[in-house]
Amino acid sequence: MNTLPTPADNAARQHIGALAWAASGKDPGLTPEYILDWALRGNRFFPEDLADVRLSVPIDLKATKHTWIVAVNEGRELVARLPAKELGCFYVNAAGQPVNPDPDSPNFSQL
C-alpha cells in the first residue's frame, strides 16, 4: 500500500465500528466499546516517530488525530445501533463481500 489508510476512508474500507463489532463477543470482557476506547488511548504519535519514515506526502498529525477521533466516535454510534444478538458478526453481502452494516437499511437483514 502506498498510502496510509485514514479513518475518513470508512466508506471505502471496513468501518472501524464494524471491525470492533466483529472482533467482540468471543471474550466477555472484549466489547466493541472497549476496543474503540483502546483505539483512542493506544495511538500517540509525535513528529520524531515519523522522522525515519519515507512518506510520499507529509502527514499532518493534528488533522490525522482529529480524523481518527471522528472515526472512532462514528464507530461508537454504529455499535450502539447494531443488534446485540449479532455481537461478533462480520457482515458480508450475498456475494460474500465485506460490507459496512447499516441497521436502518431495508437490506440489513440480508447481510
PDB file of N, CA and C in Angstrom:
ATOM      1  N   MET A   1       0.850  -1.164   0.000  1.00  0.00           N
ATOM      2  CA  MET A   1       0.000   0.000   0.000  1.00  0.00           C
ATOM      3  C   MET A   1       0.901   1.233   0.000  1.00  0.00           C
ATOM      4  N   ASN A   2       0.625   2.172  -0.873  1.00  0.00           N
ATOM      5  CA  ASN A   2       1.439   3.372  -0.984  1.00  0.00           C
ATOM      6  C   ASN A   2       0.897   4.537  -0.179  1.00  0.00           C
ATOM      7  N   THR A   3      -0.267   4.397   0.379  1.00  0.00           N
ATOM      8  CA  THR A   3      -0.841   5.469   1.176  1.00  0.00           C
ATOM      9  C   THR A   3      -1.196   4.931   2.552  1.00  0.00           C
ATOM     10  N   LEU A   4      -1.248   5.830   3.496  1.00  0.00           N
ATOM     11  CA  LEU A   4      -1.696   5.441   4.831  1.00  0.00           C
ATOM     12  C   LEU A   4      -3.214   5.454   4.838  1.00  0.00           C
ATOM     13  N   PRO A   5      -3.848   4.373   5.259  1.00  0.00           N
ATOM     14  CA  PRO A   5      -5.304   4.407   5.354  1.00  0.00           C
ATOM     15  C   PRO A   5      -5.713   5.355   6.469  1.00  0.00           C
ATOM     16  N   THR A   6      -6.773   6.078   6.239  1.00  0.00           N
ATOM     17  CA  THR A   6      -7.265   7.004   7.252  1.00  0.00           C
ATOM     18  C   THR A   6      -8.686   6.630   7.625  1.00  0.00           C
ATOM     19  N   PRO A   7      -9.102   6.983   8.811  1.00  0.00           N
ATOM     20  CA  PRO A   7     -10.474   6.699   9.208  1.00  0.00           C
ATOM     21  C   PRO A   7     -11.502   7.357   8.297  1.00  0.00           C
ATOM     22  N   ALA A   8     -11.121   8.415   7.595  1.00  0.00           N
ATOM     23  CA  ALA A   8     -12.050   9.060   6.676  1.00  0.00           C
ATOM     24  C   ALA A   8     -12.428   8.127   5.535  1.00  0.00           C
ATOM     25  N   ASP A   9     -11.661   7.078   5.356  1.00  0.00           N
ATOM     26  CA  ASP A   9     -11.935   6.118   4.294  1.00  0.00           C
ATOM     27  C   ASP A   9     -12.969   5.075   4.711  1.00  0.00           C
ATOM     28  N   ASN A  10     -13.703   5.325   5.787  1.00  0.00           N
ATOM     29  CA  ASN A  10     -14.657   4.332   6.292  1.00  0.00           C
ATOM     30  C   ASN A  10     -15.636   3.863   5.227  1.00  0.00           C
ATOM     31  N   ALA A  11     -16.030   4.753   4.316  1.00  0.00           N
ATOM     32  CA  ALA A  11     -16.996   4.361   3.294  1.00  0.00           C
ATOM     33  C   ALA A  11     -16.390   3.366   2.312  1.00  0.00           C
ATOM     34  N   ALA A  12     -15.103   3.501   2.032  1.00  0.00           N
ATOM     35  CA  ALA A  12     -14.443   2.632   1.059  1.00  0.00           C
ATOM     36  C   ALA A  12     -13.856   1.384   1.708  1.00  0.00           C
ATOM     37  N   ARG A  13     -13.558   1.466   2.975  1.00  0.00           N
ATOM     38  CA  ARG A  13     -12.974   0.335   3.703  1.00  0.00           C
ATOM     39  C   ARG A  13     -13.949  -0.097   4.794  1.00  0.00           C
ATOM     40  N   GLN A  14     -13.568  -1.124   5.510  1.00  0.00           N
ATOM     41  CA  GLN A  14     -14.414  -1.555   6.620  1.00  0.00           C
ATOM     42  C   GLN A  14     -14.437  -0.484   7.703  1.00  0.00           C
ATOM     43  N   HIS A  15     -15.625  -0.130   8.114  1.00  0.00           N
ATOM     44  CA  HIS A  15     -15.833   0.871   9.159  1.00  0.00           C
ATOM     45  C   HIS A  15     -15.220   0.359  10.456  1.00  0.00           C
ATOM     46  N   ILE A  16     -14.543   1.231  11.182  1.00  0.00           N
ATOM     47  CA  ILE A  16     -13.892   0.805  12.427  1.00  0.00           C
ATOM     48  C   ILE A  16     -14.911   0.238  13.417  1.00  0.00           C
ATOM     49  N   GLY A  17     -16.127   0.770  13.397  1.00  0.00           N
ATOM     50  CA  GLY A  17     -17.167   0.221  14.266  1.00  0.00           C
ATOM     51  C   GLY A  17     -17.536  -1.203  13.885  1.00  0.00           C
ATOM     52  N   ALA A  18     -17.595  -1.475  12.577  1.00  0.00           N
ATOM     53  CA  ALA A  18     -17.905  -2.828  12.106  1.00  0.00           C
ATOM     54  C   ALA A  18     -16.788  -3.797  12.479  1.00  0.00           C
ATOM     55  N   LEU A  19     -15.553  -3.334  12.399  1.00  0.00           N
ATOM     56  CA  LEU A  19     -14.419  -4.188  12.770  1.00  0.00           C
ATOM     57  C   LEU A  19     -14.400  -4.467  14.271  1.00  0.00           C
ATOM     58  N   ALA A  20     -14.657  -3.433  15.073  1.00  0.00           N
ATOM     59  CA  ALA A  20     -14.708  -3.628  16.528  1.00  0.00           C
ATOM     60  C   ALA A  20     -15.850  -4.572  16.893  1.00  0.00           C
ATOM     61  N   TRP A  21     -16.964  -4.452  16.189  1.00  0.00           N
ATOM     62  CA  TRP A  21     -18.115  -5.328  16.428  1.00  0.00           C
ATOM     63  C   TRP A  21     -17.751  -6.780  16.140  1.00  0.00           C
ATOM     64  N   ALA A  22     -17.108  -7.005  14.999  1.00  0.00           N
ATOM     65  CA  ALA A  22     -16.747  -8.365  14.596  1.00  0.00           C
ATOM     66  C   ALA A  22     -15.716  -8.986  15.541  1.00  0.00           C
ATOM     67  N   ALA A  23     -14.836  -8.167  16.093  1.00  0.00           N
ATOM     68  CA  ALA A  23     -13.783  -8.671  16.978  1.00  0.00           C
ATOM     69  C   ALA A  23     -14.304  -8.983  18.376  1.00  0.00           C
ATOM     70  N   SER A  24     -15.506  -8.567  18.676  1.00  0.00           N
ATOM     71  CA  SER A  24     -16.072  -8.725  20.018  1.00  0.00           C
ATOM     72  C   SER A  24     -16.878 -10.006  20.143  1.00  0.00           C
ATOM     73  N   GLY A  25     -17.256 -10.294  21.378  1.00  0.00           N
ATOM     74  CA  GLY A  25     -18.170 -11.385  21.634  1.00  0.00           C
ATOM     75  C   GLY A  25     -17.520 -12.727  21.903  1.00  0.00           C
ATOM     76  N   LYS A  26     -16.246 -12.845  21.659  1.00  0.00           N
ATOM     77  CA  LYS A  26     -15.568 -14.113  21.913  1.00  0.00           C
ATOM     78  C   LYS A  26     -15.137 -14.211  23.372  1.00  0.00           C
ATOM     79  N   ASP A  27     -14.841 -13.066  23.961  1.00  0.00           N
ATOM     80  CA  ASP A  27     -14.402 -12.942  25.347  1.00  0.00           C
ATOM     81  C   ASP A  27     -15.361 -11.960  26.010  1.00  0.00           C
ATOM     82  N   PRO A  28     -15.986 -12.312  27.132  1.00  0.00           N
ATOM     83  CA  PRO A  28     -16.977 -11.428  27.747  1.00  0.00           C
ATOM     84  C   PRO A  28     -16.478 -10.007  28.029  1.00  0.00           C
ATOM     85  N   GLY A  29     -15.194  -9.838  28.269  1.00  0.00           N
ATOM     86  CA  GLY A  29     -14.672  -8.508  28.557  1.00  0.00           C
ATOM     87  C   GLY A  29     -14.267  -7.719  27.327  1.00  0.00           C
ATOM     88  N   LEU A  30     -14.263  -8.379  26.194  1.00  0.00           N
ATOM     89  CA  LEU A  30     -13.824  -7.731  24.965  1.00  0.00           C
ATOM     90  C   LEU A  30     -15.042  -7.221  24.204  1.00  0.00           C
ATOM     91  N   THR A  31     -15.485  -6.036  24.576  1.00  0.00           N
ATOM     92  CA  THR A  31     -16.661  -5.436  23.952  1.00  0.00           C
ATOM     93  C   THR A  31     -16.225  -4.480  22.850  1.00  0.00           C
ATOM     94  N   PRO A  32     -17.125  -4.148  21.929  1.00  0.00           N
ATOM     95  CA  PRO A  32     -16.758  -3.178  20.902  1.00  0.00           C
ATOM     96  C   PRO A  32     -16.398  -1.823  21.517  1.00  0.00           C
ATOM     97  N   GLU A  33     -17.092  -1.465  22.571  1.00  0.00           N
ATOM     98  CA  GLU A  33     -16.794  -0.191  23.232  1.00  0.00           C
ATOM     99  C   GLU A  33     -15.376  -0.192  23.805  1.00  0.00           C
ATOM    100  N   TYR A  34     -14.983  -1.311  24.408  1.00  0.00           N
ATOM    101  CA  TYR A  34     -13.628  -1.428  24.957  1.00  0.00           C
ATOM    102  C   TYR A  34     -12.588  -1.307  23.845  1.00  0.00           C
ATOM    103  N   ILE A  35     -12.826  -1.992  22.738  1.00  0.00           N
ATOM    104  CA  ILE A  35     -11.890  -1.937  21.612  1.00  0.00           C
ATOM    105  C   ILE A  35     -11.767  -0.510  21.091  1.00  0.00           C
ATOM    106  N   LEU A  36     -12.885   0.178  20.951  1.00  0.00           N
ATOM    107  CA  LEU A  36     -12.846   1.555  20.445  1.00  0.00           C
ATOM    108  C   LEU A  36     -12.181   2.495  21.450  1.00  0.00           C
ATOM    109  N   ASP A  37     -12.439   2.292  22.732  1.00  0.00           N
ATOM    110  CA  ASP A  37     -11.753   3.101  23.750  1.00  0.00           C
ATOM    111  C   ASP A  37     -10.245   2.882  23.672  1.00  0.00           C
ATOM    112  N   TRP A  38      -9.838   1.630  23.543  1.00  0.00           N
ATOM    113  CA  TRP A  38      -8.417   1.313  23.453  1.00  0.00           C
ATOM    114  C   TRP A  38      -7.803   1.920  22.190  1.00  0.00           C
ATOM    115  N   ALA A  39      -8.566   1.946  21.107  1.00  0.00           N
ATOM    116  CA  ALA A  39      -8.061   2.520  19.851  1.00  0.00           C
ATOM    117  C   ALA A  39      -7.702   3.990  20.025  1.00  0.00           C
ATOM    118  N   LEU A  40      -8.437   4.692  20.862  1.00  0.00           N
ATOM    119  CA  LEU A  40      -8.101   6.100  21.120  1.00  0.00           C
ATOM    120  C   LEU A  40      -6.907   6.227  22.052  1.00  0.00           C
ATOM    121  N   ARG A  41      -6.867   5.403  23.083  1.00  0.00           N
ATOM    122  CA  ARG A  41      -5.779   5.510  24.061  1.00  0.00           C
ATOM    123  C   ARG A  41      -4.457   4.991  23.528  1.00  0.00           C
ATOM    124  N   GLY A  42      -4.507   4.026  22.641  1.00  0.00           N
ATOM    125  CA  GLY A  42      -3.290   3.370  22.189  1.00  0.00           C
ATOM    126  C   GLY A  42      -2.595   4.040  21.018  1.00  0.00           C
ATOM    127  N   ASN A  43      -3.043   5.205  20.629  1.00  0.00           N
ATOM    128  CA  ASN A  43      -2.459   5.864  19.461  1.00  0.00           C
ATOM    129  C   ASN A  43      -1.922   7.239  19.809  1.00  0.00           C
ATOM    130  N   ARG A  44      -0.619   7.314  19.963  1.00  0.00           N
ATOM    131  CA  ARG A  44       0.047   8.591  20.203  1.00  0.00           C
ATOM    132  C   ARG A  44       1.273   8.632  19.319  1.00  0.00           C
ATOM    133  N   PHE A  45       1.275   9.572  18.419  1.00  0.00           N
ATOM    134  CA  PHE A  45       2.411   9.727  17.519  1.00  0.00           C
ATOM    135  C   PHE A  45       2.954  11.138  17.642  1.00  0.00           C
ATOM    136  N   PHE A  46       4.249  11.246  17.530  1.00  0.00           N
ATOM    137  CA  PHE A  46       4.944  12.523  17.581  1.00  0.00           C
ATOM    138  C   PHE A  46       5.745  12.667  16.298  1.00  0.00           C
ATOM    139  N   PRO A  47       6.041  13.895  15.886  1.00  0.00           N
ATOM    140  CA  PRO A  47       6.803  14.086  14.642  1.00  0.00           C
ATOM    141  C   PRO A  47       8.082  13.258  14.597  1.00  0.00           C
ATOM    142  N   GLU A  48       8.757  13.136  15.726  1.00  0.00           N
ATOM    143  CA  GLU A  48      10.010  12.370  15.732  1.00  0.00           C
ATOM    144  C   GLU A  48       9.781  10.871  15.478  1.00  0.00           C
ATOM    145  N   ASP A  49       8.556  10.391  15.738  1.00  0.00           N
ATOM    146  CA  ASP A  49       8.244   8.990  15.445  1.00  0.00           C
ATOM    147  C   ASP A  49       8.272   8.709  13.946  1.00  0.00           C
ATOM    148  N   LEU A  50       8.017   9.737  13.162  1.00  0.00           N
ATOM    149  CA  LEU A  50       7.950   9.573  11.710  1.00  0.00           C
ATOM    150  C   LEU A  50       9.186  10.100  10.997  1.00  0.00           C
ATOM    151  N   ALA A  51      10.171  10.526  11.742  1.00  0.00           N
ATOM    152  CA  ALA A  51      11.362  11.141  11.146  1.00  0.00           C
ATOM    153  C   ALA A  51      12.065  10.221  10.160  1.00  0.00           C
ATOM    154  N   ASP A  52      12.098   8.944  10.423  1.00  0.00           N
ATOM    155  CA  ASP A  52      12.799   8.000   9.550  1.00  0.00           C
ATOM    156  C   ASP A  52      11.880   7.281   8.564  1.00  0.00           C
ATOM    157  N   VAL A  53      10.617   7.663   8.539  1.00  0.00           N
ATOM    158  CA  VAL A  53       9.664   7.028   7.634  1.00  0.00           C
ATOM    159  C   VAL A  53       9.607   7.818   6.333  1.00  0.00           C
ATOM    160  N   ARG A  54       9.806   7.108   5.231  1.00  0.00           N
ATOM    161  CA  ARG A  54       9.741   7.765   3.918  1.00  0.00           C
ATOM    162  C   ARG A  54       8.287   7.814   3.471  1.00  0.00           C
ATOM    163  N   LEU A  55       7.749   9.007   3.396  1.00  0.00           N
ATOM    164  CA  LEU A  55       6.356   9.200   3.001  1.00  0.00           C
ATOM    165  C   LEU A  55       6.300   9.985   1.700  1.00  0.00           C
ATOM    166  N   SER A  56       5.324   9.682   0.853  1.00  0.00           N
ATOM    167  CA  SER A  56       5.193  10.416  -0.405  1.00  0.00           C
ATOM    168  C   SER A  56       4.613  11.804  -0.168  1.00  0.00           C
ATOM    169  N   VAL A  57       3.852  11.961   0.896  1.00  0.00           N
ATOM    170  CA  VAL A  57       3.316  13.269   1.281  1.00  0.00           C
ATOM    171  C   VAL A  57       3.469  13.405   2.791  1.00  0.00           C
ATOM    172  N   PRO A  58       3.689  14.617   3.264  1.00  0.00           N
ATOM    173  CA  PRO A  58       3.805  14.794   4.719  1.00  0.00           C
ATOM    174  C   PRO A  58       2.463  14.524   5.413  1.00  0.00           C
ATOM    175  N   ILE A  59       2.557  14.118   6.655  1.00  0.00           N
ATOM    176  CA  ILE A  59       1.355  13.846   7.446  1.00  0.00           C
ATOM    177  C   ILE A  59       1.158  14.972   8.449  1.00  0.00           C
ATOM    178  N   ASP A  60      -0.059  15.482   8.479  1.00  0.00           N
ATOM    179  CA  ASP A  60      -0.440  16.470   9.477  1.00  0.00           C
ATOM    180  C   ASP A  60      -0.981  15.685  10.673  1.00  0.00           C
ATOM    181  N   LEU A  61      -0.163  15.556  11.710  1.00  0.00           N
ATOM    182  CA  LEU A  61      -0.548  14.719  12.847  1.00  0.00           C
ATOM    183  C   LEU A  61      -1.793  15.235  13.563  1.00  0.00           C
ATOM    184  N   LYS A  62      -1.960  16.551  13.640  1.00  0.00           N
ATOM    185  CA  LYS A  62      -3.159  17.091  14.297  1.00  0.00           C
ATOM    186  C   LYS A  62      -4.413  16.730  13.511  1.00  0.00           C
ATOM    187  N   ALA A  63      -4.353  16.906  12.198  1.00  0.00           N
ATOM    188  CA  ALA A  63      -5.512  16.578  11.359  1.00  0.00           C
ATOM    189  C   ALA A  63      -5.794  15.081  11.388  1.00  0.00           C
ATOM    190  N   THR A  64      -4.731  14.281  11.365  1.00  0.00           N
ATOM    191  CA  THR A  64      -4.901  12.832  11.400  1.00  0.00           C
ATOM    192  C   THR A  64      -5.527  12.396  12.718  1.00  0.00           C
ATOM    193  N   LYS A  65      -5.087  12.979  13.820  1.00  0.00           N
ATOM    194  CA  LYS A  65      -5.656  12.654  15.137  1.00  0.00           C
ATOM    195  C   LYS A  65      -7.137  13.020  15.178  1.00  0.00           C
ATOM    196  N   HIS A  66      -7.467  14.195  14.647  1.00  0.00           N
ATOM    197  CA  HIS A  66      -8.867  14.627  14.619  1.00  0.00           C
ATOM    198  C   HIS A  66      -9.709  13.651  13.792  1.00  0.00           C
ATOM    199  N   THR A  67      -9.196  13.264  12.629  1.00  0.00           N
ATOM    200  CA  THR A  67      -9.900  12.323  11.763  1.00  0.00           C
ATOM    201  C   THR A  67     -10.107  10.995  12.475  1.00  0.00           C
ATOM    202  N   TRP A  68      -9.084  10.547  13.193  1.00  0.00           N
ATOM    203  CA  TRP A  68      -9.168   9.287  13.928  1.00  0.00           C
ATOM    204  C   TRP A  68     -10.236   9.362  15.016  1.00  0.00           C
ATOM    205  N   ILE A  69     -10.264  10.458  15.764  1.00  0.00           N
ATOM    206  CA  ILE A  69     -11.258  10.631  16.830  1.00  0.00           C
ATOM    207  C   ILE A  69     -12.668  10.623  16.251  1.00  0.00           C
ATOM    208  N   VAL A  70     -12.855  11.313  15.128  1.00  0.00           N
ATOM    209  CA  VAL A  70     -14.166  11.329  14.468  1.00  0.00           C
ATOM    210  C   VAL A  70     -14.566   9.910  14.065  1.00  0.00           C
ATOM    211  N   ALA A  71     -13.643   9.163  13.477  1.00  0.00           N
ATOM    212  CA  ALA A  71     -13.946   7.798  13.034  1.00  0.00           C
ATOM    213  C   ALA A  71     -14.306   6.898  14.213  1.00  0.00           C
ATOM    214  N   VAL A  72     -13.577   7.013  15.315  1.00  0.00           N
ATOM    215  CA  VAL A  72     -13.875   6.190  16.494  1.00  0.00           C
ATOM    216  C   VAL A  72     -15.242   6.563  17.058  1.00  0.00           C
ATOM    217  N   ASN A  73     -15.554   7.848  17.098  1.00  0.00           N
ATOM    218  CA  ASN A  73     -16.871   8.265  17.581  1.00  0.00           C
ATOM    219  C   ASN A  73     -17.983   7.763  16.665  1.00  0.00           C
ATOM    220  N   GLU A  74     -17.740   7.782  15.354  1.00  0.00           N
ATOM    221  CA  GLU A  74     -18.710   7.207  14.417  1.00  0.00           C
ATOM    222  C   GLU A  74     -18.837   5.704  14.657  1.00  0.00           C
ATOM    223  N   GLY A  75     -17.725   5.068  14.994  1.00  0.00           N
ATOM    224  CA  GLY A  75     -17.758   3.644  15.322  1.00  0.00           C
ATOM    225  C   GLY A  75     -18.617   3.375  16.540  1.00  0.00           C
ATOM    226  N   ARG A  76     -18.509   4.234  17.543  1.00  0.00           N
ATOM    227  CA  ARG A  76     -19.338   4.089  18.745  1.00  0.00           C
ATOM    228  C   ARG A  76     -20.816   4.216  18.400  1.00  0.00           C
ATOM    229  N   GLU A  77     -21.121   5.187  17.525  1.00  0.00           N
ATOM    230  CA  GLU A  77     -22.518   5.370  17.111  1.00  0.00           C
ATOM    231  C   GLU A  77     -23.036   4.127  16.393  1.00  0.00           C
ATOM    232  N   LEU A  78     -22.204   3.545  15.534  1.00  0.00           N
ATOM    233  CA  LEU A  78     -22.628   2.346  14.805  1.00  0.00           C
ATOM    234  C   LEU A  78     -22.859   1.176  15.757  1.00  0.00           C
ATOM    235  N   VAL A  79     -21.916   0.884  16.649  1.00  0.00           N
ATOM    236  CA  VAL A  79     -22.085  -0.285  17.522  1.00  0.00           C
ATOM    237  C   VAL A  79     -23.276  -0.114  18.462  1.00  0.00           C
ATOM    238  N   ALA A  80     -23.635   1.108  18.785  1.00  0.00           N
ATOM    239  CA  ALA A  80     -24.806   1.345  19.630  1.00  0.00           C
ATOM    240  C   ALA A  80     -26.095   0.979  18.895  1.00  0.00           C
ATOM    241  N   ARG A  81     -26.053   0.968  17.567  1.00  0.00           N
ATOM    242  CA  ARG A  81     -27.245   0.692  16.765  1.00  0.00           C
ATOM    243  C   ARG A  81     -27.340  -0.757  16.280  1.00  0.00           C
ATOM    244  N   LEU A  82     -26.258  -1.507  16.373  1.00  0.00           N
ATOM    245  CA  LEU A  82     -26.280  -2.889  15.885  1.00  0.00           C
ATOM    246  C   LEU A  82     -26.995  -3.800  16.881  1.00  0.00           C
ATOM    247  N   PRO A  83     -27.686  -4.835  16.386  1.00  0.00           N
ATOM    248  CA  PRO A  83     -28.432  -5.725  17.287  1.00  0.00           C
ATOM    249  C   PRO A  83     -27.509  -6.557  18.177  1.00  0.00           C
ATOM    250  N   ALA A  84     -27.744  -6.494  19.474  1.00  0.00           N
ATOM    251  CA  ALA A  84     -26.889  -7.176  20.454  1.00  0.00           C
ATOM    252  C   ALA A  84     -26.770  -8.671  20.180  1.00  0.00           C
ATOM    253  N   LYS A  85     -27.810  -9.287  19.664  1.00  0.00           N
ATOM    254  CA  LYS A  85     -27.768 -10.736  19.404  1.00  0.00           C
ATOM    255  C   LYS A  85     -26.782 -11.093  18.297  1.00  0.00           C
ATOM    256  N   GLU A  86     -26.321 -10.097  17.539  1.00  0.00           N
ATOM    257  CA  GLU A  86     -25.372 -10.346  16.451  1.00  0.00           C
ATOM    258  C   GLU A  86     -23.943  -9.940  16.815  1.00  0.00           C
ATOM    259  N   LEU A  87     -23.686  -9.720  18.105  1.00  0.00           N
ATOM    260  CA  LEU A  87     -22.342  -9.340  18.538  1.00  0.00           C
ATOM    261  C   LEU A  87     -21.324 -10.367  18.059  1.00  0.00           C
ATOM    262  N   GLY A  88     -20.269  -9.899  17.447  1.00  0.00           N
ATOM    263  CA  GLY A  88     -19.235 -10.779  16.917  1.00  0.00           C
ATOM    264  C   GLY A  88     -19.390 -11.081  15.439  1.00  0.00           C
ATOM    265  N   CYS A  89     -20.491 -10.635  14.842  1.00  0.00           N
ATOM    266  CA  CYS A  89     -20.715 -10.891  13.416  1.00  0.00           C
ATOM    267  C   CYS A  89     -19.859  -9.977  12.552  1.00  0.00           C
ATOM    268  N   PHE A  90     -19.339 -10.551  11.484  1.00  0.00           N
ATOM    269  CA  PHE A  90     -18.652  -9.791  10.443  1.00  0.00           C
ATOM    270  C   PHE A  90     -19.608  -9.785   9.268  1.00  0.00           C
ATOM    271  N   TYR A  91     -20.078  -8.622   8.899  1.00  0.00           N
ATOM    272  CA  TYR A  91     -21.143  -8.520   7.916  1.00  0.00           C
ATOM    273  C   TYR A  91     -20.616  -8.601   6.488  1.00  0.00           C
ATOM    274  N   VAL A  92     -21.250  -9.471   5.709  1.00  0.00           N
ATOM    275  CA  VAL A  92     -20.938  -9.619   4.286  1.00  0.00           C
ATOM    276  C   VAL A  92     -22.251  -9.612   3.505  1.00  0.00           C
ATOM    277  N   ASN A  93     -22.143  -9.283   2.214  1.00  0.00           N
ATOM    278  CA  ASN A  93     -23.325  -9.308   1.360  1.00  0.00           C
ATOM    279  C   ASN A  93     -23.532 -10.711   0.793  1.00  0.00           C
ATOM    280  N   ALA A  94     -24.513 -10.862  -0.091  1.00  0.00           N
ATOM    281  CA  ALA A  94     -24.838 -12.175  -0.656  1.00  0.00           C
ATOM    282  C   ALA A  94     -23.677 -12.769  -1.440  1.00  0.00           C
ATOM    283  N   ALA A  95     -22.804 -11.916  -1.961  1.00  0.00           N
ATOM    284  CA  ALA A  95     -21.641 -12.388  -2.720  1.00  0.00           C
ATOM    285  C   ALA A  95     -20.460 -12.715  -1.808  1.00  0.00           C
ATOM    286  N   GLY A  96     -20.648 -12.527  -0.499  1.00  0.00           N
ATOM    287  CA  GLY A  96     -19.571 -12.809   0.446  1.00  0.00           C
ATOM    288  C   GLY A  96     -18.566 -11.687   0.588  1.00  0.00           C
ATOM    289  N   GLN A  97     -18.887 -10.516   0.050  1.00  0.00           N
ATOM    290  CA  GLN A  97     -18.002  -9.360   0.149  1.00  0.00           C
ATOM    291  C   GLN A  97     -18.274  -8.600   1.448  1.00  0.00           C
ATOM    292  N   PRO A  98     -17.230  -8.172   2.151  1.00  0.00           N
ATOM    293  CA  PRO A  98     -17.438  -7.385   3.371  1.00  0.00           C
ATOM    294  C   PRO A  98     -18.193  -6.091   3.068  1.00  0.00           C
ATOM    295  N   VAL A  99     -19.102  -5.748   3.949  1.00  0.00           N
ATOM    296  CA  VAL A  99     -19.870  -4.510   3.810  1.00  0.00           C
ATOM    297  C   VAL A  99     -19.904  -3.786   5.148  1.00  0.00           C
ATOM    298  N   ASN A 100     -20.165  -2.507   5.070  1.00  0.00           N
ATOM    299  CA  ASN A 100     -20.372  -1.712   6.273  1.00  0.00           C
ATOM    300  C   ASN A 100     -21.858  -1.789   6.611  1.00  0.00           C
ATOM    301  N   PRO A 101     -22.207  -2.371   7.741  1.00  0.00           N
ATOM    302  CA  PRO A 101     -23.616  -2.566   8.070  1.00  0.00           C
ATOM    303  C   PRO A 101     -24.321  -1.256   8.374  1.00  0.00           C
ATOM    304  N   ASP A 102     -25.557  -1.165   7.917  1.00  0.00           N
ATOM    305  CA  ASP A 102     -26.417  -0.030   8.238  1.00  0.00           C
ATOM    306  C   ASP A 102     -27.719  -0.606   8.776  1.00  0.00           C
ATOM    307  N   PRO A 103     -27.883  -0.622  10.094  1.00  0.00           N
ATOM    308  CA  PRO A 103     -29.078  -1.228  10.679  1.00  0.00           C
ATOM    309  C   PRO A 103     -30.380  -0.580  10.218  1.00  0.00           C
ATOM    310  N   ASP A 104     -30.307   0.643   9.699  1.00  0.00           N
ATOM    311  CA  ASP A 104     -31.507   1.331   9.236  1.00  0.00           C
ATOM    312  C   ASP A 104     -31.856   0.981   7.793  1.00  0.00           C
ATOM    313  N   SER A 105     -30.976   0.284   7.116  1.00  0.00           N
ATOM    314  CA  SER A 105     -31.207  -0.078   5.721  1.00  0.00           C
ATOM    315  C   SER A 105     -32.227  -1.211   5.630  1.00  0.00           C
ATOM    316  N   PRO A 106     -33.125  -1.148   4.638  1.00  0.00           N
ATOM    317  CA  PRO A 106     -34.070  -2.257   4.470  1.00  0.00           C
ATOM    318  C   PRO A 106     -33.371  -3.569   4.093  1.00  0.00           C
ATOM    319  N   ASN A 107     -32.139  -3.494   3.623  1.00  0.00           N
ATOM    320  CA  ASN A 107     -31.387  -4.690   3.232  1.00  0.00           C
ATOM    321  C   ASN A 107     -30.539  -5.260   4.368  1.00  0.00           C
ATOM    322  N   PHE A 108     -30.577  -4.643   5.542  1.00  0.00           N
ATOM    323  CA  PHE A 108     -29.722  -5.073   6.650  1.00  0.00           C
ATOM    324  C   PHE A 108     -29.943  -6.543   7.010  1.00  0.00           C
ATOM    325  N   SER A 109     -31.183  -6.988   6.993  1.00  0.00           N
ATOM    326  CA  SER A 109     -31.473  -8.371   7.396  1.00  0.00           C
ATOM    327  C   SER A 109     -30.923  -9.396   6.409  1.00  0.00           C
ATOM    328  N   GLN A 110     -30.504  -8.958   5.229  1.00  0.00           N
ATOM    329  CA  GLN A 110     -29.961  -9.875   4.224  1.00  0.00           C
ATOM    330  C   GLN A 110     -28.453 -10.044   4.351  1.00  0.00           C
ATOM    331  N   LEU A 111     -27.832  -9.315   5.274  1.00  0.00           N
ATOM    332  CA  LEU A 111     -26.380  -9.429   5.436  1.00  0.00           C
ATOM    333  C   LEU A 111     -26.051 -10.676   6.221  1.00  0.00           C
TER     334      LEU A 111
END
